[in-house]
């Protein structure tokens, strides 16, 4: 079983990535990287990452979040986070990254923010 599954949905011009599993040093970070880069090549630059079913994120996963955020911004897009678990929120707070990302607990508010 893959440590991370990502399903993709659209709400207008916004792509929502529903993540389920673990964003870790192995396949999880690579899958996230490849998915974000593919979206950018397809011209999809407004992206929400839904963390509701993410059970764990490690240092590599955090690094990939930063890398993806940078790649999306470089292309003139926006990457926002939705439904962070308490563990994910704590990790982003400790690393001071909670101030970098726009984080939402409500899908409609996240969509309206674009």
C-alpha atoms as a PDB file:
ATOM      1  CA  UNK A   1       0.000   0.000   0.000  1.00  0.00           C
ATOM      2  CA  UNK A   2       1.319   3.419  -0.942  1.00  0.00           C
ATOM      3  CA  UNK A   3       2.113   5.649   1.974  1.00  0.00           C
ATOM      4  CA  UNK A   4       0.330   8.578   0.280  1.00  0.00           C
ATOM      5  CA  UNK A   5      -2.618   8.663  -2.081  1.00  0.00           C
ATOM      6  CA  UNK A   6      -3.594  11.869  -3.838  1.00  0.00           C
ATOM      7  CA  UNK A   7      -6.896  12.403  -5.597  1.00  0.00           C
ATOM      8  CA  UNK A   8      -7.436  15.479  -7.683  1.00  0.00           C
ATOM      9  CA  UNK A   9     -10.565  17.583  -7.969  1.00  0.00           C
ATOM     10  CA  UNK A  10     -11.505  20.891  -9.557  1.00  0.00           C
ATOM     11  CA  UNK A  11     -13.624  23.751  -8.220  1.00  0.00           C
ATOM     12  CA  UNK A  12     -13.638  26.289 -11.033  1.00  0.00           C
ATOM     13  CA  UNK A  13     -10.027  27.277 -11.672  1.00  0.00           C
ATOM     14  CA  UNK A  14      -8.829  25.822  -8.372  1.00  0.00           C
ATOM     15  CA  UNK A  15      -7.325  22.338  -8.124  1.00  0.00           C
ATOM     16  CA  UNK A  16      -7.900  20.572  -4.827  1.00  0.00           C
ATOM     17  CA  UNK A  17      -5.560  17.738  -3.932  1.00  0.00           C
ATOM     18  CA  UNK A  18      -7.104  15.372  -1.392  1.00  0.00           C
ATOM     19  CA  UNK A  19      -4.199  13.698   0.363  1.00  0.00           C
ATOM     20  CA  UNK A  20      -4.553  10.482   2.334  1.00  0.00           C
ATOM     21  CA  UNK A  21      -1.660   8.893   4.185  1.00  0.00           C
ATOM     22  CA  UNK A  22       1.841  10.017   5.052  1.00  0.00           C
ATOM     23  CA  UNK A  23       3.967  12.766   3.493  1.00  0.00           C
ATOM     24  CA  UNK A  24       7.376  11.346   4.317  1.00  0.00           C
ATOM     25  CA  UNK A  25      10.877  10.943   2.931  1.00  0.00           C
ATOM     26  CA  UNK A  26      10.008   8.075   0.633  1.00  0.00           C
ATOM     27  CA  UNK A  27       7.170   7.944  -1.857  1.00  0.00           C
ATOM     28  CA  UNK A  28       4.950  10.522  -0.146  1.00  0.00           C
ATOM     29  CA  UNK A  29       7.206  13.503  -0.799  1.00  0.00           C
ATOM     30  CA  UNK A  30       8.025  12.343  -4.330  1.00  0.00           C
ATOM     31  CA  UNK A  31       4.368  11.833  -5.223  1.00  0.00           C
ATOM     32  CA  UNK A  32       3.506  15.299  -3.936  1.00  0.00           C
ATOM     33  CA  UNK A  33       6.404  16.835  -5.885  1.00  0.00           C
ATOM     34  CA  UNK A  34       5.474  15.108  -9.141  1.00  0.00           C
ATOM     35  CA  UNK A  35       1.799  15.962  -8.756  1.00  0.00           C
ATOM     36  CA  UNK A  36       2.464  19.673  -8.135  1.00  0.00           C
ATOM     37  CA  UNK A  37       4.981  19.899 -11.007  1.00  0.00           C
ATOM     38  CA  UNK A  38       2.531  18.155 -13.375  1.00  0.00           C
ATOM     39  CA  UNK A  39      -0.231  20.583 -12.429  1.00  0.00           C
ATOM     40  CA  UNK A  40       2.073  23.513 -13.142  1.00  0.00           C
ATOM     41  CA  UNK A  41       2.962  22.146 -16.593  1.00  0.00           C
ATOM     42  CA  UNK A  42      -0.775  21.820 -17.254  1.00  0.00           C
ATOM     43  CA  UNK A  43      -1.226  25.493 -16.350  1.00  0.00           C
ATOM     44  CA  UNK A  44      -3.034  24.744 -13.080  1.00  0.00           C
ATOM     45  CA  UNK A  45      -1.591  27.316 -10.706  1.00  0.00           C
ATOM     46  CA  UNK A  46      -4.274  27.686  -8.030  1.00  0.00           C
ATOM     47  CA  UNK A  47      -3.857  24.719  -5.716  1.00  0.00           C
ATOM     48  CA  UNK A  48      -5.276  23.664  -2.359  1.00  0.00           C
ATOM     49  CA  UNK A  49      -3.712  20.796  -0.425  1.00  0.00           C
ATOM     50  CA  UNK A  50      -6.282  19.133   1.828  1.00  0.00           C
ATOM     51  CA  UNK A  51      -4.520  17.623   4.858  1.00  0.00           C
ATOM     52  CA  UNK A  52      -7.649  16.219   6.498  1.00  0.00           C
ATOM     53  CA  UNK A  53      -6.536  12.581   6.009  1.00  0.00           C
ATOM     54  CA  UNK A  54      -2.775  13.103   6.346  1.00  0.00           C
ATOM     55  CA  UNK A  55      -1.687  10.980   9.282  1.00  0.00           C
ATOM     56  CA  UNK A  56       1.956  12.036   9.394  1.00  0.00           C
ATOM     57  CA  UNK A  57       4.345  14.504   7.827  1.00  0.00           C
ATOM     58  CA  UNK A  58       8.092  14.425   8.432  1.00  0.00           C
ATOM     59  CA  UNK A  59      10.970  16.818   7.755  1.00  0.00           C
ATOM     60  CA  UNK A  60      11.179  15.695   4.131  1.00  0.00           C
ATOM     61  CA  UNK A  61       7.451  16.323   3.720  1.00  0.00           C
ATOM     62  CA  UNK A  62       7.838  19.815   5.169  1.00  0.00           C
ATOM     63  CA  UNK A  63      10.740  20.403   2.785  1.00  0.00           C
ATOM     64  CA  UNK A  64       8.579  19.330  -0.141  1.00  0.00           C
ATOM     65  CA  UNK A  65       5.802  21.672   0.974  1.00  0.00           C
ATOM     66  CA  UNK A  66       8.264  24.572   0.927  1.00  0.00           C
ATOM     67  CA  UNK A  67       9.668  23.477  -2.440  1.00  0.00           C
ATOM     68  CA  UNK A  68       6.168  23.167  -3.908  1.00  0.00           C
ATOM     69  CA  UNK A  69       5.146  26.542  -2.472  1.00  0.00           C
ATOM     70  CA  UNK A  70       8.209  28.122  -4.077  1.00  0.00           C
ATOM     71  CA  UNK A  71       7.613  26.407  -7.437  1.00  0.00           C
ATOM     72  CA  UNK A  72       3.963  27.491  -7.537  1.00  0.00           C
ATOM     73  CA  UNK A  73       4.807  31.091  -6.561  1.00  0.00           C
ATOM     74  CA  UNK A  74       7.548  31.209  -9.200  1.00  0.00           C
ATOM     75  CA  UNK A  75       4.906  30.369 -11.818  1.00  0.00           C
ATOM     76  CA  UNK A  76       2.635  33.145 -10.530  1.00  0.00           C
ATOM     77  CA  UNK A  77       0.308  30.745  -8.728  1.00  0.00           C
ATOM     78  CA  UNK A  78      -0.907  30.184  -5.218  1.00  0.00           C
ATOM     79  CA  UNK A  79      -0.657  27.128  -2.956  1.00  0.00           C
ATOM     80  CA  UNK A  80      -2.889  27.020   0.117  1.00  0.00           C
ATOM     81  CA  UNK A  81      -3.415  24.467   2.870  1.00  0.00           C
ATOM     82  CA  UNK A  82      -6.734  23.115   4.124  1.00  0.00           C
ATOM     83  CA  UNK A  83      -7.720  21.126   7.219  1.00  0.00           C
ATOM     84  CA  UNK A  84      -4.328  20.766   8.863  1.00  0.00           C
ATOM     85  CA  UNK A  85      -4.272  18.139  11.567  1.00  0.00           C
ATOM     86  CA  UNK A  86      -3.109  19.329  14.975  1.00  0.00           C
ATOM     87  CA  UNK A  87       0.221  17.521  14.509  1.00  0.00           C
ATOM     88  CA  UNK A  88       0.777  19.170  11.118  1.00  0.00           C
ATOM     89  CA  UNK A  89      -0.202  22.563  12.521  1.00  0.00           C
ATOM     90  CA  UNK A  90       2.192  22.115  15.456  1.00  0.00           C
ATOM     91  CA  UNK A  91       5.042  21.165  13.118  1.00  0.00           C
ATOM     92  CA  UNK A  92       4.416  24.193  10.881  1.00  0.00           C
ATOM     93  CA  UNK A  93       4.247  26.422  13.968  1.00  0.00           C
ATOM     94  CA  UNK A  94       7.556  25.122  15.344  1.00  0.00           C
ATOM     95  CA  UNK A  95       9.265  25.648  11.979  1.00  0.00           C
ATOM     96  CA  UNK A  96       7.684  29.126  11.640  1.00  0.00           C
ATOM     97  CA  UNK A  97       6.131  28.033   8.326  1.00  0.00           C
ATOM     98  CA  UNK A  98       2.589  28.614   9.562  1.00  0.00           C
ATOM     99  CA  UNK A  99       3.265  32.301   8.855  1.00  0.00           C
ATOM    100  CA  UNK A 100       4.263  31.513   5.248  1.00  0.00           C
ATOM    101  CA  UNK A 101       1.300  29.428   4.140  1.00  0.00           C
ATOM    102  CA  UNK A 102      -2.311  30.509   3.954  1.00  0.00           C
ATOM    103  CA  UNK A 103      -4.152  27.921   6.038  1.00  0.00           C
ATOM    104  CA  UNK A 104      -7.907  27.326   6.102  1.00  0.00           C
ATOM    105  CA  UNK A 105     -10.238  25.085   8.070  1.00  0.00           C
ATOM    106  CA  UNK A 106     -13.173  25.631   5.712  1.00  0.00           C
ATOM    107  CA  UNK A 107     -13.186  24.588   2.029  1.00  0.00           C
ATOM    108  CA  UNK A 108     -15.492  27.421   0.926  1.00  0.00           C
ATOM    109  CA  UNK A 109     -13.318  30.082   2.590  1.00  0.00           C
ATOM    110  CA  UNK A 110     -10.219  28.567   0.999  1.00  0.00           C
ATOM    111  CA  UNK A 111     -11.854  28.684  -2.442  1.00  0.00           C
ATOM    112  CA  UNK A 112     -13.081  32.257  -1.916  1.00  0.00           C
ATOM    113  CA  UNK A 113      -9.537  33.349  -0.984  1.00  0.00           C
ATOM    114  CA  UNK A 114      -8.440  33.007  -4.607  1.00  0.00           C
END
